[in-house]
Amino acid sequence: ELKRAVNSLLQNIDDFSQEGILIAATNHAQMLDSAVWRRFQTIIEMPAPGPDEIRRFIDQFPKVADESGISETQWKAIVNSLSGFSYSDIKDVVQNMLKKAVLQDKKEIDIADYIIEVFLFKNHGNYSQEGIAQYLSENSVPQTQIGKYLGVSARQVRNYLGKGASK
């Protein structure tokens, strides 16, 4: 079935390229058959954005709540957690975070809102509260915010973090 799909794609590219200019984009170049690549005369690689580009990209999104409580050190942690992500992935993370903020009628967005969305994006629903607590802690989210997000006491957060340290 996959071979048939590739052959169909190749035939459509060949038919189209005689009549016009074809521009294509992918976030998964390594998954494309080499025969597809041979159909293009020019290939432009767009590397993942660096820290400055990530921050500028995030700043382009609408502000749905006050973000002034996020310190510069915390912004660096947020940007660092997004390192290696494509612009498309960053857009998905930020938009998911903004949707939740609107639906929860949040007045203030903090570092945990961003970092938890990165965690959820990376783990695709395969996680535990201990895993979330550990990830948030590793990414500069204070234990009080972790407890608030998870709906547990500060003691429980310390217990979660203690378990992660002993594994």
C-alpha atoms as a PDB file:
ATOM      1  CA  GLU A   1       0.000   0.000   0.000  1.00  0.00           C
ATOM      2  CA  LEU A   2       2.821   2.393   0.900  1.00  0.00           C
ATOM      3  CA  LYS A   3       4.622   1.643  -2.377  1.00  0.00           C
ATOM      4  CA  ARG A   4       1.420   2.410  -4.282  1.00  0.00           C
ATOM      5  CA  ALA A   5       1.065   5.738  -2.445  1.00  0.00           C
ATOM      6  CA  VAL A   6       4.677   6.686  -3.280  1.00  0.00           C
ATOM      7  CA  ASN A   7       4.185   5.744  -6.953  1.00  0.00           C
ATOM      8  CA  SER A   8       1.002   7.811  -7.090  1.00  0.00           C
ATOM      9  CA  LEU A   9       2.799  10.795  -5.537  1.00  0.00           C
ATOM     10  CA  LEU A  10       5.662  10.475  -8.039  1.00  0.00           C
ATOM     11  CA  GLN A  11       3.262  10.324 -10.990  1.00  0.00           C
ATOM     12  CA  ASN A  12       1.386  13.399  -9.763  1.00  0.00           C
ATOM     13  CA  ILE A  13       4.638  15.324  -9.294  1.00  0.00           C
ATOM     14  CA  ASP A  14       5.805  14.369 -12.790  1.00  0.00           C
ATOM     15  CA  ASP A  15       2.477  15.385 -14.362  1.00  0.00           C
ATOM     16  CA  PHE A  16       2.298  18.671 -12.458  1.00  0.00           C
ATOM     17  CA  SER A  17       5.901  19.761 -12.987  1.00  0.00           C
ATOM     18  CA  GLN A  18       5.437  19.953 -16.748  1.00  0.00           C
ATOM     19  CA  GLU A  19       2.750  22.611 -16.334  1.00  0.00           C
ATOM     20  CA  GLY A  20       3.965  24.760 -13.477  1.00  0.00           C
ATOM     21  CA  ILE A  21       6.155  25.238 -10.448  1.00  0.00           C
ATOM     22  CA  LEU A  22       5.781  22.877  -7.522  1.00  0.00           C
ATOM     23  CA  ILE A  23       6.719  24.032  -4.037  1.00  0.00           C
ATOM     24  CA  ALA A  24       6.498  21.541  -1.195  1.00  0.00           C
ATOM     25  CA  ALA A  25       7.378  21.443   2.489  1.00  0.00           C
ATOM     26  CA  THR A  26       7.771  18.731   5.100  1.00  0.00           C
ATOM     27  CA  ASN A  27       8.723  18.425   8.747  1.00  0.00           C
ATOM     28  CA  HIS A  28       9.775  14.816   8.128  1.00  0.00           C
ATOM     29  CA  ALA A  29      12.322  14.912   5.300  1.00  0.00           C
ATOM     30  CA  GLN A  30      13.948  11.685   6.480  1.00  0.00           C
ATOM     31  CA  MET A  31      10.706   9.790   5.851  1.00  0.00           C
ATOM     32  CA  LEU A  32      10.444  10.694   2.155  1.00  0.00           C
ATOM     33  CA  ASP A  33      11.529   8.244  -0.496  1.00  0.00           C
ATOM     34  CA  SER A  34      14.699   9.355  -2.325  1.00  0.00           C
ATOM     35  CA  ALA A  35      12.787   9.229  -5.625  1.00  0.00           C
ATOM     36  CA  VAL A  36      10.644  12.112  -4.388  1.00  0.00           C
ATOM     37  CA  TRP A  37      13.739  14.216  -3.677  1.00  0.00           C
ATOM     38  CA  ARG A  38      15.053  13.654  -7.199  1.00  0.00           C
ATOM     39  CA  ARG A  39      11.947  15.401  -8.585  1.00  0.00           C
ATOM     40  CA  PHE A  40      12.989  18.758  -7.094  1.00  0.00           C
ATOM     41  CA  GLN A  41      15.729  20.930  -8.605  1.00  0.00           C
ATOM     42  CA  THR A  42      16.166  23.103  -5.536  1.00  0.00           C
ATOM     43  CA  ILE A  43      15.949  21.992  -1.925  1.00  0.00           C
ATOM     44  CA  ILE A  44      16.063  24.557   0.856  1.00  0.00           C
ATOM     45  CA  GLU A  45      16.546  23.254   4.378  1.00  0.00           C
ATOM     46  CA  MET A  46      15.042  25.262   7.203  1.00  0.00           C
ATOM     47  CA  PRO A  47      16.789  24.383  10.465  1.00  0.00           C
ATOM     48  CA  ALA A  48      14.942  24.429  13.756  1.00  0.00           C
ATOM     49  CA  PRO A  49      14.817  27.928  15.236  1.00  0.00           C
ATOM     50  CA  GLY A  50      17.414  29.015  17.768  1.00  0.00           C
ATOM     51  CA  PRO A  51      16.653  30.611  21.144  1.00  0.00           C
ATOM     52  CA  ASP A  52      16.228  34.159  19.792  1.00  0.00           C
ATOM     53  CA  GLU A  53      13.917  33.009  16.998  1.00  0.00           C
ATOM     54  CA  ILE A  54      11.843  30.921  19.420  1.00  0.00           C
ATOM     55  CA  ARG A  55      11.315  33.884  21.740  1.00  0.00           C
ATOM     56  CA  ARG A  56      10.415  36.232  18.873  1.00  0.00           C
ATOM     57  CA  PHE A  57       8.021  33.616  17.482  1.00  0.00           C
ATOM     58  CA  ILE A  58       6.271  33.187  20.845  1.00  0.00           C
ATOM     59  CA  ASP A  59       5.991  36.972  21.174  1.00  0.00           C
ATOM     60  CA  GLN A  60       3.967  37.068  17.937  1.00  0.00           C
ATOM     61  CA  PHE A  61       1.061  35.180  19.513  1.00  0.00           C
ATOM     62  CA  PRO A  62      -1.789  37.166  21.055  1.00  0.00           C
ATOM     63  CA  LYS A  63      -1.609  37.701  24.785  1.00  0.00           C
ATOM     64  CA  VAL A  64      -4.755  36.283  26.361  1.00  0.00           C
ATOM     65  CA  ALA A  65      -3.597  36.885  29.933  1.00  0.00           C
ATOM     66  CA  ASP A  66      -0.887  38.712  31.861  1.00  0.00           C
ATOM     67  CA  GLU A  67       2.571  37.132  31.372  1.00  0.00           C
ATOM     68  CA  SER A  68       4.488  39.726  33.397  1.00  0.00           C
ATOM     69  CA  GLY A  69       5.004  37.213  36.216  1.00  0.00           C
ATOM     70  CA  ILE A  70       7.368  35.178  34.028  1.00  0.00           C
ATOM     71  CA  SER A  71      10.929  36.242  34.816  1.00  0.00           C
ATOM     72  CA  GLU A  72      13.693  36.443  32.231  1.00  0.00           C
ATOM     73  CA  THR A  73      15.267  33.305  33.752  1.00  0.00           C
ATOM     74  CA  GLN A  74      11.958  31.490  33.373  1.00  0.00           C
ATOM     75  CA  TRP A  75      11.639  32.669  29.754  1.00  0.00           C
ATOM     76  CA  LYS A  76      15.054  31.124  29.125  1.00  0.00           C
ATOM     77  CA  ALA A  77      13.785  27.837  30.607  1.00  0.00           C
ATOM     78  CA  ILE A  78      10.671  27.984  28.401  1.00  0.00           C
ATOM     79  CA  VAL A  79      12.750  28.682  25.286  1.00  0.00           C
ATOM     80  CA  ASN A  80      15.225  25.939  26.252  1.00  0.00           C
ATOM     81  CA  SER A  81      12.377  23.427  26.635  1.00  0.00           C
ATOM     82  CA  LEU A  82      11.365  24.223  23.032  1.00  0.00           C
ATOM     83  CA  SER A  83      14.875  23.769  21.653  1.00  0.00           C
ATOM     84  CA  GLY A  84      14.899  21.475  18.631  1.00  0.00           C
ATOM     85  CA  PHE A  85      11.188  21.992  17.926  1.00  0.00           C
ATOM     86  CA  SER A  86      10.085  23.155  14.480  1.00  0.00           C
ATOM     87  CA  TYR A  87       8.090  26.366  14.120  1.00  0.00           C
ATOM     88  CA  SER A  88       5.016  24.213  13.533  1.00  0.00           C
ATOM     89  CA  ASP A  89       5.548  22.283  16.775  1.00  0.00           C
ATOM     90  CA  ILE A  90       6.131  25.506  18.734  1.00  0.00           C
ATOM     91  CA  LYS A  91       2.916  26.925  17.263  1.00  0.00           C
ATOM     92  CA  ASP A  92       0.994  23.840  18.400  1.00  0.00           C
ATOM     93  CA  VAL A  93       2.432  24.044  21.933  1.00  0.00           C
ATOM     94  CA  VAL A  94       1.709  27.759  22.325  1.00  0.00           C
ATOM     95  CA  GLN A  95      -1.766  27.555  20.792  1.00  0.00           C
ATOM     96  CA  ASN A  96      -2.693  24.634  23.071  1.00  0.00           C
ATOM     97  CA  MET A  97      -1.508  26.625  26.072  1.00  0.00           C
ATOM     98  CA  LEU A  98      -3.467  29.708  24.964  1.00  0.00           C
ATOM     99  CA  LYS A  99      -6.650  27.681  24.371  1.00  0.00           C
ATOM    100  CA  LYS A 100      -6.462  26.248  27.873  1.00  0.00           C
ATOM    101  CA  ALA A 101      -5.855  29.694  29.341  1.00  0.00           C
ATOM    102  CA  VAL A 102      -8.936  31.078  27.586  1.00  0.00           C
ATOM    103  CA  LEU A 103     -11.121  28.111  28.533  1.00  0.00           C
ATOM    104  CA  GLN A 104      -9.998  28.347  32.164  1.00  0.00           C
ATOM    105  CA  ASP A 105     -10.474  32.131  32.117  1.00  0.00           C
ATOM    106  CA  LYS A 106      -6.922  32.575  33.409  1.00  0.00           C
ATOM    107  CA  LYS A 107      -5.903  36.107  34.270  1.00  0.00           C
ATOM    108  CA  GLU A 108      -2.195  35.255  34.480  1.00  0.00           C
ATOM    109  CA  ILE A 109      -0.011  32.824  32.566  1.00  0.00           C
ATOM    110  CA  ASP A 110       3.065  31.427  34.280  1.00  0.00           C
ATOM    111  CA  ILE A 111       6.016  29.233  33.378  1.00  0.00           C
ATOM    112  CA  ALA A 112       4.092  26.066  34.299  1.00  0.00           C
ATOM    113  CA  ASP A 113       1.489  26.784  31.603  1.00  0.00           C
ATOM    114  CA  TYR A 114       4.174  26.722  28.921  1.00  0.00           C
ATOM    115  CA  ILE A 115       6.302  23.896  30.310  1.00  0.00           C
ATOM    116  CA  ILE A 116       3.370  21.545  30.858  1.00  0.00           C
ATOM    117  CA  GLU A 117       2.313  21.964  27.229  1.00  0.00           C
ATOM    118  CA  VAL A 118       5.847  21.097  26.098  1.00  0.00           C
ATOM    119  CA  PHE A 119       5.710  18.009  28.327  1.00  0.00           C
ATOM    120  CA  LEU A 120       2.316  16.943  26.960  1.00  0.00           C
ATOM    121  CA  PHE A 121       3.484  17.508  23.380  1.00  0.00           C
ATOM    122  CA  LYS A 122       6.581  15.370  23.919  1.00  0.00           C
ATOM    123  CA  ASN A 123       4.771  12.559  25.756  1.00  0.00           C
ATOM    124  CA  HIS A 124       1.528  12.268  23.760  1.00  0.00           C
ATOM    125  CA  GLY A 125      -0.595  11.256  26.743  1.00  0.00           C
ATOM    126  CA  ASN A 126       1.860   8.706  28.139  1.00  0.00           C
ATOM    127  CA  TYR A 127       2.746  10.118  31.547  1.00  0.00           C
ATOM    128  CA  SER A 128       2.131  10.066  35.285  1.00  0.00           C
ATOM    129  CA  GLN A 129       1.801  12.818  37.893  1.00  0.00           C
ATOM    130  CA  GLU A 130       5.295  11.934  39.095  1.00  0.00           C
ATOM    131  CA  GLY A 131       6.620  12.330  35.562  1.00  0.00           C
ATOM    132  CA  ILE A 132       4.919  15.691  35.164  1.00  0.00           C
ATOM    133  CA  ALA A 133       6.268  16.907  38.524  1.00  0.00           C
ATOM    134  CA  GLN A 134       9.787  15.781  37.660  1.00  0.00           C
ATOM    135  CA  TYR A 135       9.713  17.443  34.225  1.00  0.00           C
ATOM    136  CA  LEU A 136       8.315  20.698  35.585  1.00  0.00           C
ATOM    137  CA  SER A 137      10.948  20.767  38.330  1.00  0.00           C
ATOM    138  CA  GLU A 138      13.767  20.060  35.864  1.00  0.00           C
ATOM    139  CA  ASN A 139      12.533  23.019  33.799  1.00  0.00           C
ATOM    140  CA  SER A 140      12.626  25.637  36.564  1.00  0.00           C
ATOM    141  CA  VAL A 141       8.982  25.503  37.646  1.00  0.00           C
ATOM    142  CA  PRO A 142       8.779  26.207  41.394  1.00  0.00           C
ATOM    143  CA  GLN A 143       7.331  23.430  43.571  1.00  0.00           C
ATOM    144  CA  THR A 144       4.426  25.671  44.651  1.00  0.00           C
ATOM    145  CA  GLN A 145       3.365  26.057  41.006  1.00  0.00           C
ATOM    146  CA  ILE A 146       3.788  22.319  40.415  1.00  0.00           C
ATOM    147  CA  GLY A 147       1.497  21.583  43.356  1.00  0.00           C
ATOM    148  CA  LYS A 148      -1.027  24.140  42.149  1.00  0.00           C
ATOM    149  CA  TYR A 149      -1.042  22.673  38.650  1.00  0.00           C
ATOM    150  CA  LEU A 150      -1.340  19.067  39.849  1.00  0.00           C
ATOM    151  CA  GLY A 151      -3.794  19.923  42.627  1.00  0.00           C
ATOM    152  CA  VAL A 152      -1.601  18.343  45.305  1.00  0.00           C
ATOM    153  CA  SER A 153       0.152  19.563  48.440  1.00  0.00           C
ATOM    154  CA  ALA A 154       3.743  20.789  48.544  1.00  0.00           C
ATOM    155  CA  ARG A 155       4.572  17.634  50.541  1.00  0.00           C
ATOM    156  CA  GLN A 156       3.191  15.433  47.745  1.00  0.00           C
ATOM    157  CA  VAL A 157       5.247  17.361  45.186  1.00  0.00           C
ATOM    158  CA  ARG A 158       8.381  16.719  47.283  1.00  0.00           C
ATOM    159  CA  ASN A 159       7.417  13.040  47.459  1.00  0.00           C
ATOM    160  CA  TYR A 160       7.051  12.910  43.666  1.00  0.00           C
ATOM    161  CA  LEU A 161      10.414  14.598  43.210  1.00  0.00           C
ATOM    162  CA  GLY A 162      12.043  12.287  45.745  1.00  0.00           C
ATOM    163  CA  LYS A 163      10.804   9.255  43.793  1.00  0.00           C
ATOM    164  CA  GLY A 164      12.245  10.665  40.571  1.00  0.00           C
ATOM    165  CA  ALA A 165      15.636  11.263  42.208  1.00  0.00           C
ATOM    166  CA  SER A 166      15.877   7.676  43.443  1.00  0.00           C
ATOM    167  CA  LYS A 167      15.061   6.042  40.086  1.00  0.00           C
END
